[in-house]
C-alpha cells in the first residue's frame, strides 16, 4: 500500500465530498489512476479512471455527470469530486495506480497493463469510507 486516500465521511443525500489520492513514494503523473469502490455485499466497482496523459477519462454510468476525476500534478494528487450523492454511492473508496498509458475503461474494468483481469495493479491505497445517510 503506497497510496493514501482521504476525504471520505458521512454526508446527507444530495451532498458532496471530494476524495484525494496521493503518495510520497512516486510521481502519480506517470500512472493511470483509478477510483474503485466496494460496497457491503457487492462486488468491487471501477467508479472513475484517468490515464497518465490526462487526455482520457472513464466514468461508470452510475456516476456520470455527478463525479469528476482530476489531477493536480504539482501536488502529486488525484481527486474525485462527488456531487449529488445518494445512498447507492456509499462504500469504501480505494484509489489504485498502474504505470503506463492505460485506457481508462479497461483500467476501471480491472485490467492491468499486462492484460490480467484481476485488479492486480501496481499500487493500492487503504481506502476511505463514504457514508450517505440522512
Foldseek 3Di string as FASTA:
>chain_A
DFKAKDWADEAAQQAKIKMKIAGPPDAQLQWKKWKWFDAVPDDIFTAKIAFNPRPAMDGDPVQPPFWDWDDDRVRSMIMIIGGRDDQVPWGWMKMAIAGHGDHNVVVRQQQGPVRDRHVPGPDMYPTDGHGYHD
